[in-house]
């Protein structure tokens, strides 16, 4: 039981170092874009959470680099939610070229639901748990 979402991205020139390789920190940007779109696909928008006084900071991040991506490559970031969110939201990632199975990078982040005003952890809001219940039921 898990929810997997695939996000496509074309590597931009500004994301590469002088060797023409994607600079390592951009993988965290790719993870952020992919998880944001995965949540949007489920009907959960960060904007709506923030309007309700909820933020989701990253409390853990990890990346393992396998092969480089280069300028103009089309990559796919697979986002996997292996379990429904509670207070914490663990997410796994794999990055590969669009038409290949070779893995360029893997990673993991953990986010946390927090009350924006008090800066204290809170359980996942009902809208999020409802969205994941539907996704995990499919």
N, C-alpha and C. Protein backbone atom coordinates (compact mmCIF):
# COMPACT_ATOMS: atom_id res chain seq x y z
N UNK A 1 0.85 -1.17 0.00
CA UNK A 1 0.00 0.00 0.00
C UNK A 1 0.90 1.24 0.00
N UNK A 2 0.83 1.99 -1.07
CA UNK A 2 1.60 3.24 -1.16
C UNK A 2 0.99 4.09 -2.27
N UNK A 3 1.42 5.35 -2.28
CA UNK A 3 1.00 6.26 -3.34
C UNK A 3 2.27 6.73 -4.04
N UNK A 4 2.32 6.56 -5.36
CA UNK A 4 3.49 6.95 -6.15
C UNK A 4 3.05 7.97 -7.20
N UNK A 5 3.84 9.02 -7.33
CA UNK A 5 3.58 10.07 -8.31
C UNK A 5 4.87 10.31 -9.09
N UNK A 6 4.76 10.53 -10.39
CA UNK A 6 5.93 10.81 -11.23
C UNK A 6 5.87 12.24 -11.75
N UNK A 7 6.98 12.95 -11.56
CA UNK A 7 7.09 14.35 -11.98
C UNK A 7 8.21 14.47 -13.00
N UNK A 8 7.91 15.06 -14.15
CA UNK A 8 8.86 15.22 -15.26
C UNK A 8 9.50 16.60 -15.18
N UNK A 9 10.81 16.67 -15.46
CA UNK A 9 11.53 17.95 -15.42
C UNK A 9 12.66 17.93 -16.46
N UNK A 10 12.79 19.03 -17.19
CA UNK A 10 13.92 19.18 -18.11
C UNK A 10 14.98 20.01 -17.40
N UNK A 11 16.20 19.49 -17.34
CA UNK A 11 17.29 20.17 -16.65
C UNK A 11 17.62 21.47 -17.37
N UNK A 12 17.65 22.55 -16.61
CA UNK A 12 17.96 23.87 -17.16
C UNK A 12 19.45 24.16 -17.04
N UNK A 13 19.93 25.03 -17.90
CA UNK A 13 21.34 25.38 -17.93
C UNK A 13 21.81 25.90 -16.57
N UNK A 14 21.00 26.71 -15.93
CA UNK A 14 21.39 27.32 -14.66
C UNK A 14 21.51 26.31 -13.52
N UNK A 15 21.01 25.08 -13.72
CA UNK A 15 21.08 24.05 -12.70
C UNK A 15 22.38 23.25 -12.76
N UNK A 16 23.23 23.56 -13.75
CA UNK A 16 24.45 22.79 -13.96
C UNK A 16 25.68 23.56 -13.50
N UNK A 17 26.69 22.79 -13.11
CA UNK A 17 27.97 23.38 -12.72
C UNK A 17 28.84 23.56 -13.97
N UNK A 18 30.05 24.11 -13.84
CA UNK A 18 30.90 24.31 -15.02
C UNK A 18 31.25 23.04 -15.78
N UNK A 19 31.07 21.86 -15.15
CA UNK A 19 31.35 20.59 -15.83
C UNK A 19 30.14 20.09 -16.61
N UNK A 20 29.03 20.86 -16.58
CA UNK A 20 27.84 20.48 -17.31
C UNK A 20 26.98 19.45 -16.59
N UNK A 21 27.26 19.26 -15.31
CA UNK A 21 26.55 18.27 -14.49
C UNK A 21 25.60 19.02 -13.55
N UNK A 22 24.43 18.44 -13.30
CA UNK A 22 23.49 19.07 -12.37
C UNK A 22 24.18 19.21 -11.01
N UNK A 23 24.18 20.43 -10.50
CA UNK A 23 24.77 20.71 -9.19
C UNK A 23 23.97 19.98 -8.12
N UNK A 24 24.66 19.36 -7.18
CA UNK A 24 24.04 18.41 -6.25
C UNK A 24 22.84 18.96 -5.46
N UNK A 25 22.86 20.22 -5.09
CA UNK A 25 21.75 20.74 -4.26
C UNK A 25 20.44 20.86 -5.03
N UNK A 26 20.50 20.86 -6.35
CA UNK A 26 19.26 20.97 -7.12
C UNK A 26 18.37 19.74 -6.98
N UNK A 27 18.94 18.62 -6.58
CA UNK A 27 18.11 17.44 -6.37
C UNK A 27 17.08 17.69 -5.26
N UNK A 28 17.46 18.45 -4.25
CA UNK A 28 16.49 18.80 -3.20
C UNK A 28 15.38 19.68 -3.77
N UNK A 29 15.72 20.56 -4.72
CA UNK A 29 14.69 21.36 -5.41
C UNK A 29 13.77 20.45 -6.22
N UNK A 30 14.36 19.46 -6.90
CA UNK A 30 13.55 18.53 -7.68
C UNK A 30 12.60 17.75 -6.76
N UNK A 31 13.10 17.35 -5.60
CA UNK A 31 12.26 16.64 -4.64
C UNK A 31 11.09 17.52 -4.20
N UNK A 32 11.38 18.79 -3.91
CA UNK A 32 10.33 19.71 -3.47
C UNK A 32 9.26 19.89 -4.54
N UNK A 33 9.68 20.12 -5.77
CA UNK A 33 8.72 20.32 -6.86
C UNK A 33 7.86 19.06 -7.04
N UNK A 34 8.50 17.90 -6.99
CA UNK A 34 7.78 16.65 -7.20
C UNK A 34 6.79 16.37 -6.08
N UNK A 35 7.18 16.59 -4.82
CA UNK A 35 6.24 16.31 -3.73
C UNK A 35 5.11 17.32 -3.70
N UNK A 36 5.39 18.58 -4.08
CA UNK A 36 4.33 19.59 -4.15
C UNK A 36 3.29 19.19 -5.19
N UNK A 37 3.75 18.72 -6.35
CA UNK A 37 2.82 18.29 -7.39
C UNK A 37 2.12 17.00 -7.01
N UNK A 38 2.80 16.12 -6.30
CA UNK A 38 2.16 14.88 -5.83
C UNK A 38 1.01 15.21 -4.88
N UNK A 39 1.26 16.11 -3.95
CA UNK A 39 0.19 16.52 -3.02
C UNK A 39 -0.94 17.21 -3.77
N UNK A 40 -0.59 18.06 -4.73
CA UNK A 40 -1.61 18.74 -5.53
C UNK A 40 -2.47 17.71 -6.29
N UNK A 41 -1.81 16.67 -6.80
CA UNK A 41 -2.52 15.61 -7.50
C UNK A 41 -3.54 14.92 -6.58
N UNK A 42 -3.23 14.88 -5.31
CA UNK A 42 -4.14 14.29 -4.32
C UNK A 42 -5.23 15.27 -3.86
N UNK A 43 -5.09 16.53 -4.29
CA UNK A 43 -6.06 17.54 -3.86
C UNK A 43 -5.62 18.33 -2.65
N UNK A 44 -4.35 18.20 -2.27
CA UNK A 44 -3.80 18.91 -1.12
C UNK A 44 -2.86 19.99 -1.64
N UNK A 45 -3.21 21.25 -1.40
CA UNK A 45 -2.34 22.35 -1.84
C UNK A 45 -1.69 23.01 -0.64
N UNK A 46 -0.39 23.27 -0.75
CA UNK A 46 0.33 23.97 0.31
C UNK A 46 -0.35 25.29 0.64
N UNK A 47 -0.79 25.98 -0.38
CA UNK A 47 -1.43 27.29 -0.20
C UNK A 47 -2.64 27.18 0.74
N UNK A 48 -3.44 26.12 0.56
CA UNK A 48 -4.62 25.93 1.41
C UNK A 48 -4.21 25.60 2.85
N UNK A 49 -3.18 24.78 3.00
CA UNK A 49 -2.70 24.45 4.34
C UNK A 49 -2.21 25.71 5.05
N UNK A 50 -1.44 26.53 4.34
CA UNK A 50 -0.93 27.76 4.95
C UNK A 50 -2.06 28.71 5.30
N UNK A 51 -3.09 28.76 4.47
CA UNK A 51 -4.26 29.62 4.78
C UNK A 51 -4.96 29.14 6.04
N UNK A 52 -4.84 27.84 6.33
CA UNK A 52 -5.42 27.28 7.55
C UNK A 52 -4.46 27.32 8.73
N UNK A 53 -3.32 27.99 8.56
CA UNK A 53 -2.38 28.14 9.67
C UNK A 53 -1.47 26.94 9.88
N UNK A 54 -1.26 26.16 8.82
CA UNK A 54 -0.42 24.96 8.91
C UNK A 54 0.77 25.11 7.97
N UNK A 55 1.94 24.79 8.48
CA UNK A 55 3.14 24.76 7.65
C UNK A 55 3.71 23.34 7.68
N UNK A 56 4.58 23.05 6.71
CA UNK A 56 5.18 21.71 6.61
C UNK A 56 6.68 21.83 6.38
N UNK A 57 7.44 22.12 7.43
CA UNK A 57 8.89 22.21 7.25
C UNK A 57 9.52 20.84 7.02
N UNK A 58 10.62 20.84 6.30
CA UNK A 58 11.43 19.63 6.14
C UNK A 58 12.25 19.48 7.42
N UNK A 59 12.16 18.30 8.05
CA UNK A 59 12.92 18.06 9.28
C UNK A 59 14.06 17.06 9.06
N UNK A 60 14.07 16.44 7.88
CA UNK A 60 15.13 15.50 7.53
C UNK A 60 15.24 15.44 6.01
N UNK A 61 16.47 15.40 5.50
CA UNK A 61 16.68 15.26 4.06
C UNK A 61 17.94 14.45 3.81
N UNK A 62 17.86 13.58 2.81
CA UNK A 62 18.97 12.69 2.50
C UNK A 62 18.96 12.43 0.99
N UNK A 63 20.13 12.49 0.35
CA UNK A 63 20.25 12.22 -1.08
C UNK A 63 21.44 11.30 -1.32
N UNK A 64 21.24 10.30 -2.17
CA UNK A 64 22.34 9.44 -2.60
C UNK A 64 22.48 9.63 -4.12
N UNK A 65 23.66 9.99 -4.54
CA UNK A 65 23.92 10.27 -5.95
C UNK A 65 24.53 9.04 -6.61
N UNK A 66 23.93 8.63 -7.74
CA UNK A 66 24.38 7.42 -8.44
C UNK A 66 25.09 7.75 -9.75
N UNK A 67 24.45 8.60 -10.56
CA UNK A 67 24.96 9.02 -11.86
C UNK A 67 24.59 10.47 -12.07
N UNK A 68 25.34 11.21 -12.87
CA UNK A 68 25.00 12.60 -13.09
C UNK A 68 23.89 12.79 -14.13
N UNK A 69 23.14 13.85 -13.95
CA UNK A 69 22.23 14.34 -14.98
C UNK A 69 22.90 15.56 -15.58
N UNK A 70 22.57 15.87 -16.83
CA UNK A 70 23.22 16.95 -17.56
C UNK A 70 22.20 17.93 -18.12
N UNK A 71 22.70 19.07 -18.58
CA UNK A 71 21.87 20.08 -19.20
C UNK A 71 21.00 19.48 -20.30
N UNK A 72 19.74 19.85 -20.30
CA UNK A 72 18.73 19.48 -21.30
C UNK A 72 18.25 18.03 -21.17
N UNK A 73 18.77 17.28 -20.20
CA UNK A 73 18.22 15.94 -19.95
C UNK A 73 16.79 16.09 -19.43
N UNK A 74 15.95 15.15 -19.78
CA UNK A 74 14.61 15.08 -19.19
C UNK A 74 14.67 13.99 -18.13
N UNK A 75 14.37 14.39 -16.91
CA UNK A 75 14.41 13.45 -15.80
C UNK A 75 13.01 13.27 -15.23
N UNK A 76 12.82 12.16 -14.57
CA UNK A 76 11.56 11.88 -13.89
C UNK A 76 11.88 11.64 -12.42
N UNK A 77 11.16 12.34 -11.57
CA UNK A 77 11.30 12.16 -10.13
C UNK A 77 10.07 11.40 -9.65
N UNK A 78 10.30 10.18 -9.17
CA UNK A 78 9.22 9.39 -8.61
C UNK A 78 9.15 9.67 -7.11
N UNK A 79 7.96 10.02 -6.66
CA UNK A 79 7.72 10.34 -5.26
C UNK A 79 6.88 9.21 -4.68
N UNK A 80 7.33 8.65 -3.57
CA UNK A 80 6.59 7.56 -2.94
C UNK A 80 6.23 7.89 -1.51
N UNK A 81 4.94 7.87 -1.24
CA UNK A 81 4.43 7.96 0.12
C UNK A 81 4.11 6.52 0.51
N UNK A 82 4.94 5.91 1.34
CA UNK A 82 4.76 4.50 1.69
C UNK A 82 3.71 4.31 2.78
N UNK A 83 3.37 5.39 3.45
CA UNK A 83 2.37 5.33 4.51
C UNK A 83 1.62 6.65 4.56
N UNK A 84 0.39 6.63 5.03
CA UNK A 84 -0.35 7.89 5.15
C UNK A 84 0.34 8.80 6.17
N UNK A 85 0.29 10.10 5.95
CA UNK A 85 0.91 11.03 6.89
C UNK A 85 0.22 11.01 8.26
N UNK A 86 1.01 11.25 9.29
CA UNK A 86 0.47 11.45 10.63
C UNK A 86 0.92 12.83 11.05
N UNK A 87 1.74 12.94 12.07
CA UNK A 87 2.37 14.23 12.39
C UNK A 87 3.54 14.44 11.42
N UNK A 88 4.25 13.38 11.14
CA UNK A 88 5.37 13.40 10.20
C UNK A 88 4.94 12.83 8.86
N UNK A 89 5.64 13.28 7.82
CA UNK A 89 5.34 12.82 6.46
C UNK A 89 6.63 12.30 5.83
N UNK A 90 6.88 10.99 5.92
CA UNK A 90 8.07 10.44 5.28
C UNK A 90 7.83 10.23 3.78
N UNK A 91 8.81 10.64 2.97
CA UNK A 91 8.66 10.56 1.51
C UNK A 91 9.97 10.05 0.92
N UNK A 92 9.86 9.08 -0.01
CA UNK A 92 11.02 8.56 -0.72
C UNK A 92 10.99 9.04 -2.17
N UNK A 93 12.19 9.17 -2.76
CA UNK A 93 12.32 9.67 -4.12
C UNK A 93 13.30 8.81 -4.91
N UNK A 94 13.05 8.70 -6.20
CA UNK A 94 14.06 8.16 -7.12
C UNK A 94 14.01 9.03 -8.37
N UNK A 95 15.19 9.30 -8.90
CA UNK A 95 15.32 10.15 -10.08
C UNK A 95 15.97 9.32 -11.18
N UNK A 96 15.36 9.35 -12.37
CA UNK A 96 15.94 8.61 -13.48
C UNK A 96 15.68 9.36 -14.78
N UNK A 97 16.48 9.06 -15.83
CA UNK A 97 16.21 9.66 -17.14
C UNK A 97 14.83 9.24 -17.62
N UNK A 98 14.20 10.10 -18.40
CA UNK A 98 12.82 9.86 -18.82
C UNK A 98 12.61 8.51 -19.48
N UNK A 99 13.51 8.10 -20.35
CA UNK A 99 13.30 6.87 -21.12
C UNK A 99 14.23 5.74 -20.69
N UNK A 100 14.73 5.81 -19.46
CA UNK A 100 15.65 4.79 -18.98
C UNK A 100 15.28 4.38 -17.56
N UNK A 101 15.72 3.20 -17.19
CA UNK A 101 15.50 2.72 -15.84
C UNK A 101 16.66 3.04 -14.90
N UNK A 102 17.80 3.49 -15.47
CA UNK A 102 18.96 3.79 -14.64
C UNK A 102 18.60 4.85 -13.60
N UNK A 103 19.03 4.62 -12.38
CA UNK A 103 18.75 5.57 -11.30
C UNK A 103 19.88 6.59 -11.23
N UNK A 104 19.51 7.86 -11.26
CA UNK A 104 20.49 8.94 -11.13
C UNK A 104 20.71 9.29 -9.67
N UNK A 105 19.63 9.27 -8.90
CA UNK A 105 19.72 9.61 -7.47
C UNK A 105 18.51 9.04 -6.75
N UNK A 106 18.70 8.80 -5.47
CA UNK A 106 17.58 8.43 -4.61
C UNK A 106 17.63 9.34 -3.40
N UNK A 107 16.53 9.42 -2.70
CA UNK A 107 16.53 10.27 -1.53
C UNK A 107 15.34 10.06 -0.64
N UNK A 108 15.35 10.77 0.44
CA UNK A 108 14.28 10.69 1.42
C UNK A 108 14.16 12.05 2.11
N UNK A 109 12.95 12.47 2.34
CA UNK A 109 12.71 13.63 3.20
C UNK A 109 11.63 13.26 4.20
N UNK A 110 11.66 13.93 5.32
CA UNK A 110 10.58 13.84 6.29
C UNK A 110 10.13 15.26 6.56
N UNK A 111 8.83 15.49 6.38
CA UNK A 111 8.24 16.78 6.70
C UNK A 111 7.39 16.60 7.95
N UNK A 112 7.01 17.72 8.54
CA UNK A 112 6.23 17.69 9.76
C UNK A 112 5.11 18.72 9.65
N UNK A 113 3.90 18.33 10.03
CA UNK A 113 2.82 19.31 10.11
C UNK A 113 3.01 20.13 11.37
N UNK A 114 2.94 21.46 11.21
CA UNK A 114 3.11 22.34 12.37
C UNK A 114 2.08 23.46 12.35
N UNK A 115 1.67 23.85 13.52
CA UNK A 115 0.86 25.04 13.69
C UNK A 115 1.78 26.22 13.40
N UNK A 116 1.43 27.04 12.42
CA UNK A 116 2.30 28.14 11.97
C UNK A 116 2.53 29.17 13.06
N UNK A 117 1.54 29.44 13.85
CA UNK A 117 1.67 30.46 14.88
C UNK A 117 2.47 29.97 16.09
N UNK A 118 2.14 28.80 16.55
CA UNK A 118 2.79 28.27 17.76
C UNK A 118 4.09 27.54 17.47
N UNK A 119 4.30 27.17 16.19
CA UNK A 119 5.51 26.43 15.77
C UNK A 119 5.64 25.11 16.54
N UNK A 120 4.50 24.44 16.68
CA UNK A 120 4.45 23.15 17.37
C UNK A 120 3.87 22.10 16.42
N UNK A 121 4.39 20.87 16.49
CA UNK A 121 3.84 19.80 15.64
C UNK A 121 2.37 19.53 15.95
N UNK A 122 1.66 19.16 14.89
CA UNK A 122 0.23 18.82 15.00
C UNK A 122 -0.05 17.60 14.13
N UNK A 123 -1.14 16.90 14.40
CA UNK A 123 -1.51 15.79 13.52
C UNK A 123 -1.89 16.30 12.13
N UNK A 124 -1.79 15.42 11.16
CA UNK A 124 -2.20 15.77 9.79
C UNK A 124 -3.65 16.22 9.81
N UNK A 125 -3.96 17.31 9.11
CA UNK A 125 -5.35 17.77 9.06
C UNK A 125 -6.26 16.77 8.34
N UNK A 126 -7.54 16.84 8.64
CA UNK A 126 -8.52 15.92 8.07
C UNK A 126 -8.47 15.89 6.54
N UNK A 127 -8.32 17.05 5.91
CA UNK A 127 -8.29 17.09 4.44
C UNK A 127 -7.15 16.24 3.89
N UNK A 128 -6.03 16.23 4.59
CA UNK A 128 -4.87 15.44 4.15
C UNK A 128 -5.12 13.96 4.40
N UNK A 129 -5.58 13.61 5.58
CA UNK A 129 -5.82 12.19 5.87
C UNK A 129 -6.91 11.64 4.95
N UNK A 130 -7.94 12.43 4.66
CA UNK A 130 -8.99 12.00 3.74
C UNK A 130 -8.43 11.75 2.34
N UNK A 131 -7.58 12.67 1.86
CA UNK A 131 -6.99 12.54 0.53
C UNK A 131 -6.14 11.27 0.43
N UNK A 132 -5.37 11.00 1.46
CA UNK A 132 -4.51 9.80 1.44
C UNK A 132 -5.31 8.53 1.61
N UNK A 133 -6.39 8.58 2.36
CA UNK A 133 -7.27 7.40 2.46
C UNK A 133 -7.78 6.99 1.09
N UNK A 134 -8.20 7.98 0.31
CA UNK A 134 -8.69 7.69 -1.04
C UNK A 134 -7.57 7.14 -1.93
N UNK A 135 -6.39 7.76 -1.84
CA UNK A 135 -5.26 7.34 -2.67
C UNK A 135 -4.82 5.93 -2.31
N UNK A 136 -4.79 5.61 -1.04
CA UNK A 136 -4.34 4.29 -0.61
C UNK A 136 -5.39 3.22 -0.87
N UNK A 137 -6.64 3.63 -0.99
CA UNK A 137 -7.73 2.68 -1.29
C UNK A 137 -7.69 2.23 -2.74
N UNK A 138 -7.15 3.08 -3.64
CA UNK A 138 -7.12 2.75 -5.07
C UNK A 138 -6.09 1.69 -5.38
